[in-house]
Amino acid sequence: MVNMTGTPTLTVRDATPTDAPACARIYAPYVTDTAITFEYEPPTDEQMAQRITAAQRHHAWLVLEDADTVVGYAYGGPFRSRTAYQWTCEVSVYLRSERRRTGAGRALYQALLPRLAQRGMRTAVACMTLPNDASLGLHRSLGFEDVGVMHRVGHKHGAWHDVAWAQRDLTPFTGQA
């Protein structure tokens, strides 16, 4: 899409399994080149399609498009498998490198978080490998509160890494499920 001034407009929409190759390409450098994710092998297109389908069942997976090209994605998924956690989800956002620090992550989360609330989620939780000032800043600016740091819990690229946890209420707390 292009707006009236001729500049591209960004579109956030629900992901489908056909977005899997684009999402896999965005995610692969995070896996191979960073400790931002603790996965060691990038998922295949088929595995990414399965992840999208699974997220769409109970949570959400959104993509950000610029001129019909997927440039980022964000999703929510289960926080833990036990039933008591069913109203809490874990969220993540991934962008093409040139889209970092441009507001793209914010746009995705601003669409994702209300969608998760509509689907019955009460709390969103984010886990961030440290150091990661950009991710910490994004989450804090969107109302996530720091809840703790786990030290040396992940080992990747020959080093131990800490992770920070943050959470945000998606709906007002009433004490009722």
Protein backbone atom coordinates (compact mmCIF):
# COMPACT_ATOMS: atom_id res chain seq x y z
CA MET A 1 0.00 0.00 0.00
CA VAL A 2 1.02 3.59 -0.63
CA ASN A 3 -0.45 6.63 1.08
CA MET A 4 -1.43 9.94 -0.53
CA THR A 5 2.13 11.28 -0.41
CA GLY A 6 3.48 8.30 -2.32
CA THR A 7 5.35 6.82 0.65
CA PRO A 8 4.83 3.18 1.56
CA THR A 9 2.45 2.40 4.38
CA LEU A 10 2.92 -0.46 6.77
CA THR A 11 0.21 -3.05 7.24
CA VAL A 12 -0.19 -5.34 10.23
CA ARG A 13 -2.27 -8.44 9.52
CA ASP A 14 -2.85 -11.97 10.74
CA ALA A 15 -0.18 -14.37 9.59
CA THR A 16 -1.03 -17.46 7.58
CA PRO A 17 1.10 -20.53 6.89
CA THR A 18 2.02 -18.96 3.53
CA ASP A 19 3.99 -16.34 5.50
CA ALA A 20 6.24 -19.06 6.91
CA PRO A 21 9.12 -18.65 4.42
CA ALA A 22 9.32 -14.89 5.05
CA CYS A 23 9.14 -15.36 8.83
CA ALA A 24 11.78 -18.10 8.68
CA ARG A 25 14.11 -15.79 6.72
CA ILE A 26 13.64 -13.01 9.27
CA TYR A 27 14.24 -15.36 12.21
CA ALA A 28 17.23 -17.32 10.86
CA PRO A 29 19.90 -14.64 11.55
CA TYR A 30 18.67 -14.33 15.15
CA VAL A 31 19.28 -18.07 15.53
CA THR A 32 22.61 -18.33 13.73
CA ASP A 33 24.24 -15.02 14.66
CA THR A 34 22.91 -14.01 18.09
CA ALA A 35 21.94 -15.29 21.50
CA ILE A 36 18.63 -13.39 21.33
CA THR A 37 16.99 -16.77 20.86
CA PHE A 38 18.35 -19.93 22.41
CA GLU A 39 17.47 -22.07 19.41
CA TYR A 40 20.56 -23.50 17.76
CA GLU A 41 19.08 -24.41 14.35
CA PRO A 42 16.79 -22.17 12.31
CA PRO A 43 13.37 -23.73 11.78
CA THR A 44 12.44 -24.86 8.29
CA ASP A 45 9.61 -23.20 6.40
CA GLU A 46 7.40 -26.17 7.28
CA GLN A 47 8.26 -25.89 10.99
CA MET A 48 7.55 -22.16 10.90
CA ALA A 49 4.18 -22.82 9.22
CA GLN A 50 3.36 -25.24 12.04
CA ARG A 51 4.28 -22.58 14.62
CA ILE A 52 2.05 -20.01 12.91
CA THR A 53 -0.87 -22.45 12.80
CA ALA A 54 -0.42 -23.40 16.45
CA ALA A 55 -0.23 -19.77 17.60
CA GLN A 56 -3.37 -18.85 15.66
CA ARG A 57 -5.42 -21.56 17.42
CA HIS A 58 -5.47 -19.92 20.86
CA HIS A 59 -3.20 -16.89 20.75
CA ALA A 60 -2.12 -14.82 17.73
CA TRP A 61 0.64 -14.36 15.15
CA LEU A 62 0.84 -11.12 13.19
CA VAL A 63 3.07 -9.97 10.35
CA LEU A 64 4.11 -6.47 9.36
CA GLU A 65 4.14 -5.80 5.63
CA ASP A 66 5.71 -3.00 3.67
CA ALA A 67 4.69 -2.96 0.00
CA ASP A 68 3.49 -6.59 0.26
CA THR A 69 6.81 -7.74 1.77
CA VAL A 70 6.84 -9.20 5.27
CA VAL A 71 9.39 -7.20 7.28
CA GLY A 72 8.59 -8.42 10.78
CA TYR A 73 6.32 -10.52 12.93
CA ALA A 74 5.11 -10.86 16.50
CA TYR A 75 3.25 -13.61 18.23
CA GLY A 76 1.88 -14.86 21.49
CA GLY A 77 2.00 -18.43 22.65
CA PRO A 78 1.62 -20.50 25.79
CA PHE A 79 3.68 -19.40 28.76
CA ARG A 80 3.66 -22.82 30.41
CA SER A 81 1.72 -26.03 29.73
CA ARG A 82 -0.07 -26.38 33.08
CA THR A 83 -3.74 -25.41 33.08
CA ALA A 84 -3.35 -22.70 35.73
CA TYR A 85 -1.25 -20.67 33.26
CA GLN A 86 -3.87 -20.69 30.49
CA TRP A 87 -4.52 -16.94 30.81
CA THR A 88 -0.84 -16.02 30.54
CA CYS A 89 1.03 -15.91 27.25
CA GLU A 90 4.62 -15.35 26.20
CA VAL A 91 5.18 -12.77 23.46
CA SER A 92 8.01 -12.19 21.00
CA VAL A 93 8.75 -9.85 18.12
CA TYR A 94 11.29 -10.26 15.30
CA LEU A 95 12.19 -7.78 12.58
CA ARG A 96 14.39 -7.61 9.54
CA SER A 97 17.61 -5.91 10.65
CA GLU A 98 16.91 -2.64 8.81
CA ARG A 99 13.54 -2.36 10.60
CA ARG A 100 14.94 -2.38 14.12
CA ARG A 101 14.47 0.85 16.07
CA THR A 102 12.00 2.22 13.50
CA GLY A 103 8.74 1.73 15.40
CA ALA A 104 8.01 -1.54 13.61
CA GLY A 105 8.19 -3.62 16.79
CA ARG A 106 5.92 -1.16 18.57
CA ALA A 107 3.38 -1.32 15.72
CA LEU A 108 3.31 -5.10 15.89
CA TYR A 109 2.91 -5.22 19.67
CA GLN A 110 0.24 -2.50 19.64
CA ALA A 111 -1.82 -4.76 17.38
CA LEU A 112 -0.85 -8.03 19.08
CA LEU A 113 -1.51 -7.22 22.74
CA PRO A 114 -5.18 -6.22 22.33
CA ARG A 115 -5.73 -9.28 20.13
CA LEU A 116 -4.38 -11.51 22.88
CA ALA A 117 -6.65 -9.81 25.43
CA GLN A 118 -9.64 -10.42 23.14
CA ARG A 119 -8.70 -14.09 23.09
CA GLY A 120 -8.83 -14.30 26.89
CA MET A 121 -5.22 -13.67 27.81
CA ARG A 122 -4.80 -11.69 31.04
CA THR A 123 -1.01 -11.33 31.21
CA ALA A 124 1.75 -11.12 28.61
CA VAL A 125 5.24 -12.22 29.57
CA ALA A 126 8.45 -11.44 27.67
CA CYS A 127 11.82 -13.14 28.04
CA MET A 128 14.87 -11.24 26.76
CA THR A 129 18.45 -12.43 26.54
CA LEU A 130 20.81 -9.88 28.06
CA PRO A 131 22.29 -7.55 27.12
CA ASN A 132 19.51 -6.27 24.87
CA ASP A 133 18.81 -2.59 25.54
CA ALA A 134 16.58 -2.24 22.47
CA SER A 135 14.23 -5.02 23.54
CA LEU A 136 14.20 -3.90 27.17
CA GLY A 137 13.39 -0.36 26.06
CA LEU A 138 10.61 -1.48 23.73
CA HIS A 139 8.93 -3.61 26.36
CA ARG A 140 9.23 -0.98 29.08
CA SER A 141 7.80 1.70 26.76
CA LEU A 142 4.78 -0.52 26.16
CA GLY A 143 4.06 -0.92 29.87
CA PHE A 144 5.90 -4.16 30.62
CA GLU A 145 7.33 -4.23 34.14
CA ASP A 146 10.66 -5.86 34.95
CA VAL A 147 10.08 -8.90 37.15
CA GLY A 148 13.50 -10.46 37.36
CA VAL A 149 16.72 -11.69 35.85
CA MET A 150 17.81 -15.31 35.69
CA HIS A 151 21.58 -15.56 35.58
CA ARG A 152 23.55 -17.85 33.24
CA VAL A 153 20.54 -19.94 32.21
CA GLY A 154 21.32 -20.25 28.50
CA HIS A 155 24.53 -21.29 26.77
CA LYS A 156 25.05 -20.28 23.17
CA HIS A 157 28.01 -19.26 21.00
CA GLY A 158 30.44 -20.39 23.70
CA ALA A 159 29.08 -18.16 26.45
CA TRP A 160 26.54 -18.22 29.28
CA HIS A 161 23.70 -15.70 29.01
CA ASP A 162 21.31 -14.10 31.46
CA VAL A 163 17.66 -13.52 30.65
CA ALA A 164 15.37 -10.78 31.87
CA TRP A 165 11.67 -11.33 32.40
CA ALA A 166 8.99 -8.67 32.11
CA GLN A 167 5.22 -8.79 32.25
CA ARG A 168 2.22 -6.64 31.42
CA ASP A 169 -1.42 -6.94 32.35
CA LEU A 170 -3.60 -7.17 29.24
CA THR A 171 -6.89 -6.71 31.09
CA PRO A 172 -7.75 -5.07 34.40
CA PHE A 173 -7.21 -7.40 37.32
CA THR A 174 -10.52 -8.39 38.91
CA GLY A 175 -9.43 -11.43 40.91
CA GLN A 176 -11.72 -13.58 38.73
CA ALA A 177 -10.72 -15.97 35.93
